[in-house]
Amino acid sequence: VRDAHSFRLARFGPGWVVGAIEGASGGMRNPGVHIAVTPCRLHHLPYSNIEQVETENPSLVLHLFKMMSLLSARRQEVTIDQLATLHSIINSPALTKPMSRATMGALQSV
């Protein structure tokens, strides 16, 4: 249920992992509320299951952590790109006169 204090913090696509490293280390106790705006499939892997697999098949857990590290690095790259764009927008000089509709249309088609 959305309320006045809800906002979109991030947009996830196919293959994204929420709380990967934090959840896998047992450190994230309150991951927050995530609301899907479109139909999706979610897989949840509790930390207790990871601990069990760690004792039974340490190699598998190592591969899991490597995969989560890769996904986290990709997410960080996307975040850095988004912050760079935001920084560029904030620090760009304001327009001295309004843009024409033709110019706006050309920008939207790019």
Foldseek 3Di string as FASTA:
>chain_A
DDDPPDDDPDDDDPPADQCQVCQLVVNDPDSDDDDDPDDDDDDDDHNVNLVVCCVVPVVVSVVSVVVSVVNVVVVVVVVVVVVVVVVCVVPDDDDPDDDDPVVVVVVVVD
